């Protein structure tokens, strides 16, 4: 069975969201689901990937507790 590619876009403050995003990629690879990471802070808007090539999109962000 061929699965669609999944985009995992994330923003991180201290690296935790990036680590979680990378773990999601590893899990998807075990299930033979192709995925692509996109660091929203390091990638300029004009360099973002077009969504048409993806069957799913996950978005992760950091949170600030006790502000």
PDB file of N, CA and C in Angstrom:
ATOM      1  N   UNK A   1       0.849  -1.188   0.000  1.00  0.00           N
ATOM      2  CA  UNK A   1       0.000   0.000   0.000  1.00  0.00           C
ATOM      3  C   UNK A   1       0.886   1.241   0.000  1.00  0.00           C
ATOM      4  N   UNK A   2       0.644   2.157  -0.909  1.00  0.00           N
ATOM      5  CA  UNK A   2       1.433   3.379  -1.005  1.00  0.00           C
ATOM      6  C   UNK A   2       0.730   4.482  -0.219  1.00  0.00           C
ATOM      7  N   UNK A   3       1.468   5.074   0.700  1.00  0.00           N
ATOM      8  CA  UNK A   3       0.918   6.155   1.506  1.00  0.00           C
ATOM      9  C   UNK A   3       1.411   7.487   0.953  1.00  0.00           C
ATOM     10  N   UNK A   4       0.647   8.527   1.173  1.00  0.00           N
ATOM     11  CA  UNK A   4       1.044   9.867   0.768  1.00  0.00           C
ATOM     12  C   UNK A   4       2.171  10.376   1.651  1.00  0.00           C
ATOM     13  N   UNK A   5       2.841  11.366   1.156  1.00  0.00           N
ATOM     14  CA  UNK A   5       3.904  12.019   1.913  1.00  0.00           C
ATOM     15  C   UNK A   5       3.277  12.937   2.970  1.00  0.00           C
ATOM     16  N   UNK A   6       3.940  13.030   4.125  1.00  0.00           N
ATOM     17  CA  UNK A   6       3.451  13.863   5.228  1.00  0.00           C
ATOM     18  C   UNK A   6       4.460  14.976   5.487  1.00  0.00           C
ATOM     19  N   UNK A   7       3.979  16.202   5.575  1.00  0.00           N
ATOM     20  CA  UNK A   7       4.810  17.348   5.932  1.00  0.00           C
ATOM     21  C   UNK A   7       4.695  17.572   7.432  1.00  0.00           C
ATOM     22  N   UNK A   8       5.846  17.695   8.089  1.00  0.00           N
ATOM     23  CA  UNK A   8       5.877  18.004   9.516  1.00  0.00           C
ATOM     24  C   UNK A   8       6.553  19.358   9.658  1.00  0.00           C
ATOM     25  N   UNK A   9       5.753  20.386   9.864  1.00  0.00           N
ATOM     26  CA  UNK A   9       6.250  21.755  10.002  1.00  0.00           C
ATOM     27  C   UNK A   9       6.257  22.104  11.487  1.00  0.00           C
ATOM     28  N   UNK A  10       7.336  22.728  11.930  1.00  0.00           N
ATOM     29  CA  UNK A  10       7.433  23.007  13.365  1.00  0.00           C
ATOM     30  C   UNK A  10       8.200  24.297  13.628  1.00  0.00           C
ATOM     31  N   UNK A  11       7.941  24.850  14.794  1.00  0.00           N
ATOM     32  CA  UNK A  11       8.704  25.961  15.338  1.00  0.00           C
ATOM     33  C   UNK A  11       9.088  25.578  16.758  1.00  0.00           C
ATOM     34  N   UNK A  12      10.299  25.911  17.155  1.00  0.00           N
ATOM     35  CA  UNK A  12      10.774  25.494  18.470  1.00  0.00           C
ATOM     36  C   UNK A  12      11.554  26.620  19.131  1.00  0.00           C
ATOM     37  N   UNK A  13      11.477  26.702  20.432  1.00  0.00           N
ATOM     38  CA  UNK A  13      12.232  27.724  21.165  1.00  0.00           C
ATOM     39  C   UNK A  13      13.520  27.153  21.728  1.00  0.00           C
ATOM     40  N   UNK A  14      13.418  25.972  22.307  1.00  0.00           N
ATOM     41  CA  UNK A  14      14.575  25.385  22.979  1.00  0.00           C
ATOM     42  C   UNK A  14      14.957  24.018  22.426  1.00  0.00           C
ATOM     43  N   UNK A  15      14.325  23.591  21.343  1.00  0.00           N
ATOM     44  CA  UNK A  15      14.698  22.349  20.680  1.00  0.00           C
ATOM     45  C   UNK A  15      13.803  21.150  20.939  1.00  0.00           C
ATOM     46  N   UNK A  16      12.911  21.239  21.911  1.00  0.00           N
ATOM     47  CA  UNK A  16      12.060  20.085  22.234  1.00  0.00           C
ATOM     48  C   UNK A  16      11.092  19.746  21.106  1.00  0.00           C
ATOM     49  N   UNK A  17      10.487  20.749  20.508  1.00  0.00           N
ATOM     50  CA  UNK A  17       9.541  20.493  19.421  1.00  0.00           C
ATOM     51  C   UNK A  17      10.261  19.891  18.222  1.00  0.00           C
ATOM     52  N   UNK A  18      11.483  20.318  17.978  1.00  0.00           N
ATOM     53  CA  UNK A  18      12.277  19.728  16.891  1.00  0.00           C
ATOM     54  C   UNK A  18      12.555  18.251  17.174  1.00  0.00           C
ATOM     55  N   UNK A  19      12.923  17.933  18.405  1.00  0.00           N
ATOM     56  CA  UNK A  19      13.191  16.537  18.776  1.00  0.00           C
ATOM     57  C   UNK A  19      11.941  15.673  18.602  1.00  0.00           C
ATOM     58  N   UNK A  20      10.808  16.180  19.018  1.00  0.00           N
ATOM     59  CA  UNK A  20       9.554  15.437  18.878  1.00  0.00           C
ATOM     60  C   UNK A  20       9.220  15.248  17.403  1.00  0.00           C
ATOM     61  N   UNK A  21       9.425  16.286  16.596  1.00  0.00           N
ATOM     62  CA  UNK A  21       9.166  16.198  15.159  1.00  0.00           C
ATOM     63  C   UNK A  21      10.052  15.141  14.513  1.00  0.00           C
ATOM     64  N   UNK A  22      11.310  15.086  14.907  1.00  0.00           N
ATOM     65  CA  UNK A  22      12.226  14.078  14.375  1.00  0.00           C
ATOM     66  C   UNK A  22      11.801  12.671  14.789  1.00  0.00           C
ATOM     67  N   UNK A  23      11.292  12.526  15.993  1.00  0.00           N
ATOM     68  CA  UNK A  23      10.801  11.217  16.444  1.00  0.00           C
ATOM     69  C   UNK A  23       9.574  10.796  15.638  1.00  0.00           C
ATOM     70  N   UNK A  24       8.711  11.737  15.324  1.00  0.00           N
ATOM     71  CA  UNK A  24       7.542  11.431  14.493  1.00  0.00           C
ATOM     72  C   UNK A  24       8.001  10.934  13.129  1.00  0.00           C
ATOM     73  N   UNK A  25       9.028  11.559  12.556  1.00  0.00           N
ATOM     74  CA  UNK A  25       9.578  11.110  11.271  1.00  0.00           C
ATOM     75  C   UNK A  25      10.062   9.663  11.383  1.00  0.00           C
ATOM     76  N   UNK A  26      10.780   9.334  12.445  1.00  0.00           N
ATOM     77  CA  UNK A  26      11.277   7.963  12.630  1.00  0.00           C
ATOM     78  C   UNK A  26      10.120   6.961  12.713  1.00  0.00           C
ATOM     79  N   UNK A  27       9.073   7.331  13.424  1.00  0.00           N
ATOM     80  CA  UNK A  27       7.910   6.447  13.541  1.00  0.00           C
ATOM     81  C   UNK A  27       7.243   6.261  12.182  1.00  0.00           C
ATOM     82  N   UNK A  28       7.079   7.341  11.446  1.00  0.00           N
ATOM     83  CA  UNK A  28       6.467   7.245  10.121  1.00  0.00           C
ATOM     84  C   UNK A  28       7.315   6.399   9.180  1.00  0.00           C
ATOM     85  N   UNK A  29       8.640   6.540   9.257  1.00  0.00           N
ATOM     86  CA  UNK A  29       9.526   5.742   8.408  1.00  0.00           C
ATOM     87  C   UNK A  29       9.365   4.249   8.696  1.00  0.00           C
ATOM     88  N   UNK A  30       9.202   3.890   9.965  1.00  0.00           N
ATOM     89  CA  UNK A  30       8.983   2.485  10.318  1.00  0.00           C
ATOM     90  C   UNK A  30       7.705   1.952   9.680  1.00  0.00           C
ATOM     91  N   UNK A  31       6.726   2.835   9.509  1.00  0.00           N
ATOM     92  CA  UNK A  31       5.456   2.468   8.876  1.00  0.00           C
ATOM     93  C   UNK A  31       5.509   2.664   7.359  1.00  0.00           C
ATOM     94  N   UNK A  32       6.683   2.981   6.853  1.00  0.00           N
ATOM     95  CA  UNK A  32       6.912   3.212   5.417  1.00  0.00           C
ATOM     96  C   UNK A  32       6.077   4.362   4.869  1.00  0.00           C
ATOM     97  N   UNK A  33       5.981   5.391   5.671  1.00  0.00           N
ATOM     98  CA  UNK A  33       5.302   6.614   5.244  1.00  0.00           C
ATOM     99  C   UNK A  33       6.370   7.679   5.061  1.00  0.00           C
ATOM    100  N   UNK A  34       6.477   8.196   3.853  1.00  0.00           N
ATOM    101  CA  UNK A  34       7.469   9.221   3.545  1.00  0.00           C
ATOM    102  C   UNK A  34       7.074  10.523   4.236  1.00  0.00           C
ATOM    103  N   UNK A  35       8.061  11.220   4.777  1.00  0.00           N
ATOM    104  CA  UNK A  35       7.771  12.475   5.472  1.00  0.00           C
ATOM    105  C   UNK A  35       8.882  13.480   5.224  1.00  0.00           C
ATOM    106  N   UNK A  36       8.565  14.730   5.457  1.00  0.00           N
ATOM    107  CA  UNK A  36       9.507  15.822   5.257  1.00  0.00           C
ATOM    108  C   UNK A  36       9.379  16.789   6.420  1.00  0.00           C
ATOM    109  N   UNK A  37      10.518  17.164   7.010  1.00  0.00           N
ATOM    110  CA  UNK A  37      10.538  18.154   8.088  1.00  0.00           C
ATOM    111  C   UNK A  37      10.694  19.552   7.515  1.00  0.00           C
ATOM    112  N   UNK A  38      10.035  20.515   8.135  1.00  0.00           N
ATOM    113  CA  UNK A  38      10.176  21.915   7.749  1.00  0.00           C
ATOM    114  C   UNK A  38      10.272  22.757   9.015  1.00  0.00           C
ATOM    115  N   UNK A  39      11.445  23.328   9.255  1.00  0.00           N
ATOM    116  CA  UNK A  39      11.658  24.230  10.390  1.00  0.00           C
ATOM    117  C   UNK A  39      11.150  25.604   9.971  1.00  0.00           C
ATOM    118  N   UNK A  40      10.036  26.014  10.535  1.00  0.00           N
ATOM    119  CA  UNK A  40       9.394  27.260  10.125  1.00  0.00           C
ATOM    120  C   UNK A  40      10.189  28.499  10.509  1.00  0.00           C
ATOM    121  N   UNK A  41      11.061  28.391  11.494  1.00  0.00           N
ATOM    122  CA  UNK A  41      11.864  29.540  11.906  1.00  0.00           C
ATOM    123  C   UNK A  41      13.090  29.727  11.020  1.00  0.00           C
ATOM    124  N   UNK A  42      13.634  28.641  10.517  1.00  0.00           N
ATOM    125  CA  UNK A  42      14.865  28.712   9.727  1.00  0.00           C
ATOM    126  C   UNK A  42      14.615  28.798   8.227  1.00  0.00           C
ATOM    127  N   UNK A  43      13.383  28.553   7.800  1.00  0.00           N
ATOM    128  CA  UNK A  43      13.057  28.529   6.384  1.00  0.00           C
ATOM    129  C   UNK A  43      12.262  29.776   6.023  1.00  0.00           C
ATOM    130  N   UNK A  44      12.746  30.520   5.031  1.00  0.00           N
ATOM    131  CA  UNK A  44      12.033  31.716   4.581  1.00  0.00           C
ATOM    132  C   UNK A  44      10.700  31.316   3.961  1.00  0.00           C
ATOM    133  N   UNK A  45       9.708  32.179   4.097  1.00  0.00           N
ATOM    134  CA  UNK A  45       8.364  31.899   3.605  1.00  0.00           C
ATOM    135  C   UNK A  45       8.371  31.484   2.140  1.00  0.00           C
ATOM    136  N   UNK A  46       9.154  32.159   1.316  1.00  0.00           N
ATOM    137  CA  UNK A  46       9.165  31.838  -0.116  1.00  0.00           C
ATOM    138  C   UNK A  46       9.808  30.480  -0.402  1.00  0.00           C
ATOM    139  N   UNK A  47      10.479  29.887   0.596  1.00  0.00           N
ATOM    140  CA  UNK A  47      11.107  28.578   0.428  1.00  0.00           C
ATOM    141  C   UNK A  47      10.259  27.442   1.006  1.00  0.00           C
ATOM    142  N   UNK A  48       9.101  27.780   1.582  1.00  0.00           N
ATOM    143  CA  UNK A  48       8.233  26.742   2.125  1.00  0.00           C
ATOM    144  C   UNK A  48       7.767  25.839   0.993  1.00  0.00           C
ATOM    145  N   UNK A  49       7.554  24.589   1.299  1.00  0.00           N
ATOM    146  CA  UNK A  49       7.155  23.612   0.302  1.00  0.00           C
ATOM    147  C   UNK A  49       5.679  23.772  -0.046  1.00  0.00           C
ATOM    148  N   UNK A  50       5.320  23.570  -1.325  1.00  0.00           N
ATOM    149  CA  UNK A  50       3.895  23.621  -1.679  1.00  0.00           C
ATOM    150  C   UNK A  50       3.161  22.430  -1.062  1.00  0.00           C
ATOM    151  N   UNK A  51       1.983  22.668  -0.552  1.00  0.00           N
ATOM    152  CA  UNK A  51       1.235  21.628   0.149  1.00  0.00           C
ATOM    153  C   UNK A  51       0.605  20.599  -0.787  1.00  0.00           C
ATOM    154  N   UNK A  52       0.536  20.894  -2.070  1.00  0.00           N
ATOM    155  CA  UNK A  52      -0.116  19.991  -3.017  1.00  0.00           C
ATOM    156  C   UNK A  52       0.522  18.608  -3.045  1.00  0.00           C
ATOM    157  N   UNK A  53       1.808  18.514  -2.732  1.00  0.00           N
ATOM    158  CA  UNK A  53       2.500  17.237  -2.799  1.00  0.00           C
ATOM    159  C   UNK A  53       2.359  16.375  -1.555  1.00  0.00           C
ATOM    160  N   UNK A  54       1.566  16.813  -0.599  1.00  0.00           N
ATOM    161  CA  UNK A  54       1.458  16.103   0.674  1.00  0.00           C
ATOM    162  C   UNK A  54       0.033  15.616   0.914  1.00  0.00           C
ATOM    163  N   UNK A  55      -0.058  14.420   1.469  1.00  0.00           N
ATOM    164  CA  UNK A  55      -1.357  13.869   1.833  1.00  0.00           C
ATOM    165  C   UNK A  55      -1.770  14.240   3.243  1.00  0.00           C
ATOM    166  N   UNK A  56      -0.825  14.784   4.015  1.00  0.00           N
ATOM    167  CA  UNK A  56      -1.106  15.189   5.388  1.00  0.00           C
ATOM    168  C   UNK A  56      -0.090  16.199   5.867  1.00  0.00           C
ATOM    169  N   UNK A  57      -0.501  17.028   6.801  1.00  0.00           N
ATOM    170  CA  UNK A  57       0.379  18.053   7.369  1.00  0.00           C
ATOM    171  C   UNK A  57       0.217  18.038   8.887  1.00  0.00           C
ATOM    172  N   UNK A  58       1.343  17.964   9.588  1.00  0.00           N
ATOM    173  CA  UNK A  58       1.361  18.108  11.043  1.00  0.00           C
ATOM    174  C   UNK A  58       2.090  19.399  11.365  1.00  0.00           C
ATOM    175  N   UNK A  59       1.565  20.171  12.308  1.00  0.00           N
ATOM    176  CA  UNK A  59       2.203  21.420  12.711  1.00  0.00           C
ATOM    177  C   UNK A  59       2.465  21.351  14.211  1.00  0.00           C
ATOM    178  N   UNK A  60       3.718  21.597  14.589  1.00  0.00           N
ATOM    179  CA  UNK A  60       4.093  21.575  15.996  1.00  0.00           C
ATOM    180  C   UNK A  60       4.692  22.905  16.405  1.00  0.00           C
ATOM    181  N   UNK A  61       4.428  23.304  17.637  1.00  0.00           N
ATOM    182  CA  UNK A  61       4.987  24.563  18.130  1.00  0.00           C
ATOM    183  C   UNK A  61       5.311  24.427  19.612  1.00  0.00           C
ATOM    184  N   UNK A  62       6.118  25.335  20.058  1.00  0.00           N
ATOM    185  CA  UNK A  62       6.451  25.354  21.477  1.00  0.00           C
ATOM    186  C   UNK A  62       5.360  26.104  22.240  1.00  0.00           C
ATOM    187  N   UNK A  63       5.348  25.915  23.542  1.00  0.00           N
ATOM    188  CA  UNK A  63       4.414  26.645  24.394  1.00  0.00           C
ATOM    189  C   UNK A  63       5.199  27.293  25.522  1.00  0.00           C
ATOM    190  N   UNK A  64       4.642  28.333  26.069  1.00  0.00           N
ATOM    191  CA  UNK A  64       5.272  29.007  27.194  1.00  0.00           C
ATOM    192  C   UNK A  64       4.344  28.866  28.392  1.00  0.00           C
ATOM    193  N   UNK A  65       4.849  28.246  29.426  1.00  0.00           N
ATOM    194  CA  UNK A  65       4.048  27.981  30.620  1.00  0.00           C
ATOM    195  C   UNK A  65       4.410  28.985  31.713  1.00  0.00           C
ATOM    196  N   UNK A  66       3.407  29.399  32.467  1.00  0.00           N
ATOM    197  CA  UNK A  66       3.612  30.258  33.637  1.00  0.00           C
ATOM    198  C   UNK A  66       4.165  31.628  33.281  1.00  0.00           C
ATOM    199  N   UNK A  67       3.651  32.229  32.238  1.00  0.00           N
ATOM    200  CA  UNK A  67       4.109  33.567  31.876  1.00  0.00           C
ATOM    201  C   UNK A  67       3.479  34.578  32.778  1.00  0.00           C
TER     202      UNK A  67
END
